[in-house]
Amino acid sequence: MKIKRYLIILLVIFGLLLSGCDLALILLEDNPTYISVWHPFVDGKAEGVQFAADSFMELNPLVTVDIFYVPYDDLLTQYQDAVSNSEGPDILIGADDWGPELDLAGLIAPLTGVNTNELNQASIATGIYQGYQIGIPYSLEGVVLYRNKTIQPETAATNSDLVKKAKAATAGKTYGALLEIGHLSSHAHLNALGGALMTNKGLPAFDSPEAVTWMQMLIEFNELGADPWYSDDDLLKFKAG
């Protein structure tokens, strides 16, 4: 049985559904079910997708999951063209920021029939658009802070303490702290301070005391020897001691 007009888009953070029907109800039918999957992954991630599909088919003998690779740069356009012609995959693995565009184009609909209570609620909240759930997480990637015990024997209790310890340890080619100030790594600090880049209505929200404090924090990071945006220099220097 082919699932008609039923599409799951598994984004880097979210999964989006084209129709409001419950996938679980469809899979309970006693007829063979075919599910096609498009993804942009290579190497290990591609193997992970195939492993998940194989494991699912082992538990659901009546379901056939067909995995198909599409290069990332072509994926969104190829998907949009396919769906416009009433074709395309049942499952698409793509980028998280495609969600609003696909929703506005009418290519997806609110997610229903999935229990999200046991999932990470912070990530679940990021899948809400226009007041309804358009996505659920299928993987999470975090940003961590490593401490070189040779340079920083003791952990810092607060950000001010971190700055103080880092300045005291900085000498010559030794950095007391090497911190990333790019988008991915720094936004968590803004959230922790109680601020945000925009409101739920999409209006700018960075003109606030919390955002000013956040910017001052990033300036301090830069003075401590912050790593250039989106590079691996911090990792390489950490490994080098």
C-alpha atoms as a PDB file:
ATOM      1  CA  MET A   1       0.000   0.000   0.000  1.00  0.00           C
ATOM      2  CA  LYS A   2       1.377   3.398  -0.954  1.00  0.00           C
ATOM      3  CA  ILE A   3       0.834   6.143   1.633  1.00  0.00           C
ATOM      4  CA  LYS A   4      -0.883   8.848  -0.394  1.00  0.00           C
ATOM      5  CA  ARG A   5      -0.397  12.524   0.462  1.00  0.00           C
ATOM      6  CA  TYR A   6       1.491  11.519   3.569  1.00  0.00           C
ATOM      7  CA  LEU A   7       4.866  13.106   4.027  1.00  0.00           C
ATOM      8  CA  ILE A   8       7.268  13.224   6.922  1.00  0.00           C
ATOM      9  CA  ILE A   9      10.091  15.734   6.637  1.00  0.00           C
ATOM     10  CA  LEU A  10      12.805  14.912   9.125  1.00  0.00           C
ATOM     11  CA  LEU A  11      14.847  18.050   9.518  1.00  0.00           C
ATOM     12  CA  VAL A  12      18.211  18.430  11.228  1.00  0.00           C
ATOM     13  CA  ILE A  13      16.251  19.412  14.304  1.00  0.00           C
ATOM     14  CA  PHE A  14      12.600  18.847  13.355  1.00  0.00           C
ATOM     15  CA  GLY A  15      10.273  16.388  11.616  1.00  0.00           C
ATOM     16  CA  LEU A  16       7.355  17.828   9.655  1.00  0.00           C
ATOM     17  CA  LEU A  17       4.175  16.103   8.499  1.00  0.00           C
ATOM     18  CA  LEU A  18       2.253  16.919   5.323  1.00  0.00           C
ATOM     19  CA  SER A  19      -1.101  15.629   6.526  1.00  0.00           C
ATOM     20  CA  GLY A  20      -2.740  15.539   9.916  1.00  0.00           C
ATOM     21  CA  CYS A  21      -3.355  11.777   9.860  1.00  0.00           C
ATOM     22  CA  ASP A  22      -1.717   9.493  12.379  1.00  0.00           C
ATOM     23  CA  LEU A  23       1.120   7.403  10.935  1.00  0.00           C
ATOM     24  CA  ALA A  24       0.635   4.802  13.660  1.00  0.00           C
ATOM     25  CA  LEU A  25      -2.925   4.178  12.475  1.00  0.00           C
ATOM     26  CA  ILE A  26      -1.773   3.659   8.910  1.00  0.00           C
ATOM     27  CA  LEU A  27       0.912   1.174   9.878  1.00  0.00           C
ATOM     28  CA  LEU A  28      -1.595  -0.890  11.864  1.00  0.00           C
ATOM     29  CA  GLU A  29      -3.331  -1.903   8.655  1.00  0.00           C
ATOM     30  CA  ASP A  30      -2.760  -5.500   7.507  1.00  0.00           C
ATOM     31  CA  ASN A  31      -1.543  -4.438   4.084  1.00  0.00           C
ATOM     32  CA  PRO A  32       2.051  -4.022   2.883  1.00  0.00           C
ATOM     33  CA  THR A  33       3.185  -0.410   3.273  1.00  0.00           C
ATOM     34  CA  TYR A  34       5.873   1.293   1.179  1.00  0.00           C
ATOM     35  CA  ILE A  35       7.704   4.344   2.551  1.00  0.00           C
ATOM     36  CA  SER A  36      10.261   6.251   0.474  1.00  0.00           C
ATOM     37  CA  VAL A  37      12.969   8.343   2.133  1.00  0.00           C
ATOM     38  CA  TRP A  38      15.128  11.098   0.638  1.00  0.00           C
ATOM     39  CA  HIS A  39      18.219  12.241   2.552  1.00  0.00           C
ATOM     40  CA  PRO A  40      21.407  14.285   1.931  1.00  0.00           C
ATOM     41  CA  PHE A  41      23.776  12.292   4.137  1.00  0.00           C
ATOM     42  CA  VAL A  42      27.007  10.526   3.224  1.00  0.00           C
ATOM     43  CA  ASP A  43      29.302   8.130   5.056  1.00  0.00           C
ATOM     44  CA  GLY A  44      28.392   7.507   8.700  1.00  0.00           C
ATOM     45  CA  LYS A  45      25.157   9.493   8.755  1.00  0.00           C
ATOM     46  CA  ALA A  46      23.895   7.699   5.662  1.00  0.00           C
ATOM     47  CA  GLU A  47      24.696   4.387   7.320  1.00  0.00           C
ATOM     48  CA  GLY A  48      22.746   5.555  10.378  1.00  0.00           C
ATOM     49  CA  VAL A  49      19.654   6.298   8.281  1.00  0.00           C
ATOM     50  CA  GLN A  50      19.870   2.877   6.638  1.00  0.00           C
ATOM     51  CA  PHE A  51      20.350   1.186  10.011  1.00  0.00           C
ATOM     52  CA  ALA A  52      17.246   2.936  11.384  1.00  0.00           C
ATOM     53  CA  ALA A  53      15.242   1.850   8.340  1.00  0.00           C
ATOM     54  CA  ASP A  54      16.464  -1.754   8.581  1.00  0.00           C
ATOM     55  CA  SER A  55      15.661  -1.869  12.302  1.00  0.00           C
ATOM     56  CA  PHE A  56      12.171  -0.483  11.676  1.00  0.00           C
ATOM     57  CA  MET A  57      11.490  -3.012   8.917  1.00  0.00           C
ATOM     58  CA  GLU A  58      12.638  -5.835  11.180  1.00  0.00           C
ATOM     59  CA  LEU A  59      10.044  -4.788  13.753  1.00  0.00           C
ATOM     60  CA  ASN A  60       7.392  -4.122  11.069  1.00  0.00           C
ATOM     61  CA  PRO A  61       7.596  -6.897   8.439  1.00  0.00           C
ATOM     62  CA  LEU A  62       4.754  -5.424   6.369  1.00  0.00           C
ATOM     63  CA  VAL A  63       6.612  -2.133   5.901  1.00  0.00           C
ATOM     64  CA  THR A  64       9.228  -1.529   3.202  1.00  0.00           C
ATOM     65  CA  VAL A  65      11.447   1.552   3.637  1.00  0.00           C
ATOM     66  CA  ASP A  66      13.335   2.657   0.520  1.00  0.00           C
ATOM     67  CA  ILE A  67      16.292   4.993   1.136  1.00  0.00           C
ATOM     68  CA  PHE A  68      17.370   7.389  -1.639  1.00  0.00           C
ATOM     69  CA  TYR A  69      20.271   9.874  -1.560  1.00  0.00           C
ATOM     70  CA  VAL A  70      19.919  13.410  -2.989  1.00  0.00           C
ATOM     71  CA  PRO A  71      22.791  15.944  -2.714  1.00  0.00           C
ATOM     72  CA  TYR A  72      22.024  18.581  -0.107  1.00  0.00           C
ATOM     73  CA  ASP A  73      22.262  21.531  -2.525  1.00  0.00           C
ATOM     74  CA  ASP A  74      19.605  19.946  -4.757  1.00  0.00           C
ATOM     75  CA  LEU A  75      17.383  18.492  -2.074  1.00  0.00           C
ATOM     76  CA  LEU A  76      14.985  21.351  -1.310  1.00  0.00           C
ATOM     77  CA  THR A  77      14.348  22.306  -4.938  1.00  0.00           C
ATOM     78  CA  GLN A  78      13.975  18.719  -6.041  1.00  0.00           C
ATOM     79  CA  TYR A  79      11.540  18.056  -3.220  1.00  0.00           C
ATOM     80  CA  GLN A  80       9.451  21.164  -3.958  1.00  0.00           C
ATOM     81  CA  ASP A  81       9.250  20.266  -7.649  1.00  0.00           C
ATOM     82  CA  ALA A  82       8.300  16.675  -6.867  1.00  0.00           C
ATOM     83  CA  VAL A  83       5.554  17.573  -4.386  1.00  0.00           C
ATOM     84  CA  SER A  84       4.153  20.200  -6.768  1.00  0.00           C
ATOM     85  CA  ASN A  85       3.678  17.335  -9.249  1.00  0.00           C
ATOM     86  CA  SER A  86       2.043  15.125  -6.596  1.00  0.00           C
ATOM     87  CA  GLU A  87       5.215  13.055  -6.348  1.00  0.00           C
ATOM     88  CA  GLY A  88       8.192  13.053  -3.987  1.00  0.00           C
ATOM     89  CA  PRO A  89       9.152  11.006  -0.949  1.00  0.00           C
ATOM     90  CA  ASP A  90       7.130  10.021   2.082  1.00  0.00           C
ATOM     91  CA  ILE A  91      10.065  11.038   4.269  1.00  0.00           C
ATOM     92  CA  LEU A  92      12.513  13.855   3.587  1.00  0.00           C
ATOM     93  CA  ILE A  93      15.579  14.534   5.707  1.00  0.00           C
ATOM     94  CA  GLY A  94      16.685  18.132   5.199  1.00  0.00           C
ATOM     95  CA  ALA A  95      17.534  21.382   6.979  1.00  0.00           C
ATOM     96  CA  ASP A  96      15.654  22.775   9.953  1.00  0.00           C
ATOM     97  CA  ASP A  97      15.198  26.264   8.486  1.00  0.00           C
ATOM     98  CA  TRP A  98      13.158  24.873   5.575  1.00  0.00           C
ATOM     99  CA  GLY A  99      10.177  24.394   7.869  1.00  0.00           C
ATOM    100  CA  PRO A 100       8.553  27.871   7.737  1.00  0.00           C
ATOM    101  CA  GLU A 101       9.055  28.150   3.969  1.00  0.00           C
ATOM    102  CA  LEU A 102       7.455  24.762   3.346  1.00  0.00           C
ATOM    103  CA  ASP A 103       4.633  25.555   5.742  1.00  0.00           C
ATOM    104  CA  LEU A 104       3.839  28.876   4.055  1.00  0.00           C
ATOM    105  CA  ALA A 105       3.865  27.118   0.677  1.00  0.00           C
ATOM    106  CA  GLY A 106       1.290  24.640   1.913  1.00  0.00           C
ATOM    107  CA  LEU A 107       3.649  21.691   1.572  1.00  0.00           C
ATOM    108  CA  ILE A 108       3.293  20.632   5.213  1.00  0.00           C
ATOM    109  CA  ALA A 109       0.579  20.749   7.861  1.00  0.00           C
ATOM    110  CA  PRO A 110       0.412  20.695  11.687  1.00  0.00           C
ATOM    111  CA  LEU A 111       1.909  17.622  13.291  1.00  0.00           C
ATOM    112  CA  THR A 112      -0.639  15.392  15.027  1.00  0.00           C
ATOM    113  CA  GLY A 113      -0.782  11.889  16.429  1.00  0.00           C
ATOM    114  CA  VAL A 114       2.706  11.893  17.959  1.00  0.00           C
ATOM    115  CA  ASN A 115       3.346  11.905  21.715  1.00  0.00           C
ATOM    116  CA  THR A 116       6.112  14.451  22.379  1.00  0.00           C
ATOM    117  CA  ASN A 117       6.022  14.312  26.191  1.00  0.00           C
ATOM    118  CA  GLU A 118       9.169  12.183  26.449  1.00  0.00           C
ATOM    119  CA  LEU A 119      11.174  14.290  23.999  1.00  0.00           C
ATOM    120  CA  ASN A 120      13.430  17.218  24.865  1.00  0.00           C
ATOM    121  CA  GLN A 121      10.938  20.027  25.482  1.00  0.00           C
ATOM    122  CA  ALA A 122      13.347  22.833  24.582  1.00  0.00           C
ATOM    123  CA  SER A 123      13.819  21.366  21.121  1.00  0.00           C
ATOM    124  CA  ILE A 124      10.091  20.626  20.821  1.00  0.00           C
ATOM    125  CA  ALA A 125       9.379  24.332  21.392  1.00  0.00           C
ATOM    126  CA  THR A 126      11.609  25.298  18.467  1.00  0.00           C
ATOM    127  CA  GLY A 127       9.376  23.208  16.209  1.00  0.00           C
ATOM    128  CA  ILE A 128       6.346  25.411  16.862  1.00  0.00           C
ATOM    129  CA  TYR A 129       5.495  27.816  14.027  1.00  0.00           C
ATOM    130  CA  GLN A 130       2.439  30.060  13.673  1.00  0.00           C
ATOM    131  CA  GLY A 131       1.127  28.637  16.937  1.00  0.00           C
ATOM    132  CA  TYR A 132       1.195  24.957  16.005  1.00  0.00           C
ATOM    133  CA  GLN A 133       3.694  22.109  15.973  1.00  0.00           C
ATOM    134  CA  ILE A 134       5.341  21.648  12.587  1.00  0.00           C
ATOM    135  CA  GLY A 135       8.303  19.645  13.802  1.00  0.00           C
ATOM    136  CA  ILE A 136       9.782  17.214  16.291  1.00  0.00           C
ATOM    137  CA  PRO A 137      13.478  16.497  16.894  1.00  0.00           C
ATOM    138  CA  TYR A 138      15.111  13.335  15.663  1.00  0.00           C
ATOM    139  CA  SER A 139      18.633  14.286  16.786  1.00  0.00           C
ATOM    140  CA  LEU A 140      20.283  16.895  18.991  1.00  0.00           C
ATOM    141  CA  GLU A 141      23.791  18.284  18.766  1.00  0.00           C
ATOM    142  CA  GLY A 142      25.158  20.279  21.671  1.00  0.00           C
ATOM    143  CA  VAL A 143      27.938  22.782  22.218  1.00  0.00           C
ATOM    144  CA  VAL A 144      30.265  21.988  25.103  1.00  0.00           C
ATOM    145  CA  LEU A 145      32.992  23.856  26.958  1.00  0.00           C
ATOM    146  CA  TYR A 146      36.230  21.991  27.676  1.00  0.00           C
ATOM    147  CA  ARG A 147      38.676  22.947  30.401  1.00  0.00           C
ATOM    148  CA  ASN A 148      42.413  22.437  30.187  1.00  0.00           C
ATOM    149  CA  LYS A 149      43.370  21.561  33.761  1.00  0.00           C
ATOM    150  CA  THR A 150      46.974  22.572  33.134  1.00  0.00           C
ATOM    151  CA  ILE A 151      45.880  26.157  32.414  1.00  0.00           C
ATOM    152  CA  GLN A 152      42.710  26.277  34.528  1.00  0.00           C
ATOM    153  CA  PRO A 153      43.160  23.951  37.550  1.00  0.00           C
ATOM    154  CA  GLU A 154      39.778  24.904  39.005  1.00  0.00           C
ATOM    155  CA  THR A 155      36.389  25.341  37.375  1.00  0.00           C
ATOM    156  CA  ALA A 156      34.805  28.786  37.204  1.00  0.00           C
ATOM    157  CA  ALA A 157      31.647  29.281  39.274  1.00  0.00           C
ATOM    158  CA  THR A 158      30.265  32.195  37.217  1.00  0.00           C
ATOM    159  CA  ASN A 159      30.994  33.974  33.969  1.00  0.00           C
ATOM    160  CA  SER A 160      32.747  36.757  35.888  1.00  0.00           C
ATOM    161  CA  ASP A 161      34.855  34.138  37.605  1.00  0.00           C
ATOM    162  CA  LEU A 162      35.675  32.605  34.213  1.00  0.00           C
ATOM    163  CA  VAL A 163      36.813  35.972  32.866  1.00  0.00           C
ATOM    164  CA  LYS A 164      38.909  36.633  35.967  1.00  0.00           C
ATOM    165  CA  LYS A 165      40.616  33.236  35.837  1.00  0.00           C
ATOM    166  CA  ALA A 166      41.152  33.483  32.086  1.00  0.00           C
ATOM    167  CA  LYS A 167      42.811  36.900  32.270  1.00  0.00           C
ATOM    168  CA  ALA A 168      45.045  35.708  35.076  1.00  0.00           C
ATOM    169  CA  ALA A 169      46.148  32.658  33.064  1.00  0.00           C
ATOM    170  CA  THR A 170      46.722  34.489  29.769  1.00  0.00           C
ATOM    171  CA  ALA A 171      50.391  35.043  28.993  1.00  0.00           C
ATOM    172  CA  GLY A 172      52.338  34.905  25.736  1.00  0.00           C
ATOM    173  CA  LYS A 173      50.870  32.181  23.544  1.00  0.00           C
ATOM    174  CA  THR A 174      48.811  30.748  26.389  1.00  0.00           C
ATOM    175  CA  TYR A 175      45.122  31.610  26.314  1.00  0.00           C
ATOM    176  CA  GLY A 176      43.244  31.598  29.584  1.00  0.00           C
ATOM    177  CA  ALA A 177      40.085  30.929  27.568  1.00  0.00           C
ATOM    178  CA  LEU A 178      39.433  30.309  23.900  1.00  0.00           C
ATOM    179  CA  LEU A 179      35.708  30.814  23.329  1.00  0.00           C
ATOM    180  CA  GLU A 180      33.576  30.627  20.168  1.00  0.00           C
ATOM    181  CA  ILE A 181      31.478  33.749  19.531  1.00  0.00           C
ATOM    182  CA  GLY A 182      29.673  32.521  16.424  1.00  0.00           C
ATOM    183  CA  HIS A 183      25.909  32.107  16.097  1.00  0.00           C
ATOM    184  CA  LEU A 184      25.686  28.425  17.038  1.00  0.00           C
ATOM    185  CA  SER A 185      27.724  28.638  20.224  1.00  0.00           C
ATOM    186  CA  SER A 186      26.732  32.047  21.558  1.00  0.00           C
ATOM    187  CA  HIS A 187      22.925  32.068  21.396  1.00  0.00           C
ATOM    188  CA  ALA A 188      22.613  29.833  24.438  1.00  0.00           C
ATOM    189  CA  HIS A 189      24.169  32.614  26.508  1.00  0.00           C
ATOM    190  CA  LEU A 190      21.493  35.056  25.332  1.00  0.00           C
ATOM    191  CA  ASN A 191      18.769  32.594  26.283  1.00  0.00           C
ATOM    192  CA  ALA A 192      20.394  31.954  29.655  1.00  0.00           C
ATOM    193  CA  LEU A 193      20.326  35.695  30.349  1.00  0.00           C
ATOM    194  CA  GLY A 194      16.590  35.758  29.671  1.00  0.00           C
ATOM    195  CA  GLY A 195      16.858  37.453  26.279  1.00  0.00           C
ATOM    196  CA  ALA A 196      15.952  36.511  22.710  1.00  0.00           C
ATOM    197  CA  LEU A 197      16.642  37.655  19.156  1.00  0.00           C
ATOM    198  CA  MET A 198      12.954  37.940  18.298  1.00  0.00           C
ATOM    199  CA  THR A 199       9.501  37.604  19.794  1.00  0.00           C
ATOM    200  CA  ASN A 200       6.991  34.848  19.041  1.00  0.00           C
ATOM    201  CA  LYS A 201       5.517  37.197  16.419  1.00  0.00           C
ATOM    202  CA  GLY A 202       8.857  37.508  14.635  1.00  0.00           C
ATOM    203  CA  LEU A 203       9.600  41.043  15.814  1.00  0.00           C
ATOM    204  CA  PRO A 204      13.131  42.084  16.862  1.00  0.00           C
ATOM    205  CA  ALA A 205      13.788  41.575  20.562  1.00  0.00           C
ATOM    206  CA  PHE A 206      17.531  42.130  20.802  1.00  0.00           C
ATOM    207  CA  ASP A 207      17.187  45.790  21.868  1.00  0.00           C
ATOM    208  CA  SER A 208      16.934  44.864  25.534  1.00  0.00           C
ATOM    209  CA  PRO A 209      19.038  44.975  28.719  1.00  0.00           C
ATOM    210  CA  GLU A 210      19.566  41.201  28.433  1.00  0.00           C
ATOM    211  CA  ALA A 211      20.865  41.538  24.885  1.00  0.00           C
ATOM    212  CA  VAL A 212      23.210  44.365  25.899  1.00  0.00           C
ATOM    213  CA  THR A 213      24.615  42.148  28.652  1.00  0.00           C
ATOM    214  CA  TRP A 214      24.990  39.353  26.099  1.00  0.00           C
ATOM    215  CA  MET A 215      26.916  41.586  23.685  1.00  0.00           C
ATOM    216  CA  GLN A 216      29.191  42.726  26.506  1.00  0.00           C
ATOM    217  CA  MET A 217      29.823  39.064  27.309  1.00  0.00           C
ATOM    218  CA  LEU A 218      30.825  38.364  23.686  1.00  0.00           C
ATOM    219  CA  ILE A 219      33.154  41.370  23.731  1.00  0.00           C
ATOM    220  CA  GLU A 220      34.786  39.916  26.838  1.00  0.00           C
ATOM    221  CA  PHE A 221      35.075  36.564  25.077  1.00  0.00           C
ATOM    222  CA  ASN A 222      36.872  38.295  22.209  1.00  0.00           C
ATOM    223  CA  GLU A 223      39.272  40.015  24.594  1.00  0.00           C
ATOM    224  CA  LEU A 224      40.085  36.632  26.106  1.00  0.00           C
ATOM    225  CA  GLY A 225      41.188  35.335  22.719  1.00  0.00           C
ATOM    226  CA  ALA A 226      37.913  34.155  21.212  1.00  0.00           C
ATOM    227  CA  ASP A 227      38.203  31.744  18.320  1.00  0.00           C
ATOM    228  CA  PRO A 228      37.204  32.972  14.828  1.00  0.00           C
ATOM    229  CA  TRP A 229      33.660  32.088  13.858  1.00  0.00           C
ATOM    230  CA  TYR A 230      32.963  28.554  12.678  1.00  0.00           C
ATOM    231  CA  SER A 231      36.471  27.164  12.693  1.00  0.00           C
ATOM    232  CA  ASP A 232      38.185  24.258  14.416  1.00  0.00           C
ATOM    233  CA  ASP A 233      41.072  26.356  15.707  1.00  0.00           C
ATOM    234  CA  ASP A 234      39.833  26.077  19.285  1.00  0.00           C
ATOM    235  CA  LEU A 235      39.771  22.264  19.066  1.00  0.00           C
ATOM    236  CA  LEU A 236      43.194  22.097  17.453  1.00  0.00           C
ATOM    237  CA  LYS A 237      44.733  24.413  20.050  1.00  0.00           C
ATOM    238  CA  PHE A 238      43.090  22.462  22.850  1.00  0.00           C
ATOM    239  CA  LYS A 239      44.557  19.204  21.537  1.00  0.00           C
ATOM    240  CA  ALA A 240      47.946  20.884  21.262  1.00  0.00           C
ATOM    241  CA  GLY A 241      47.795  21.850  24.930  1.00  0.00           C
END
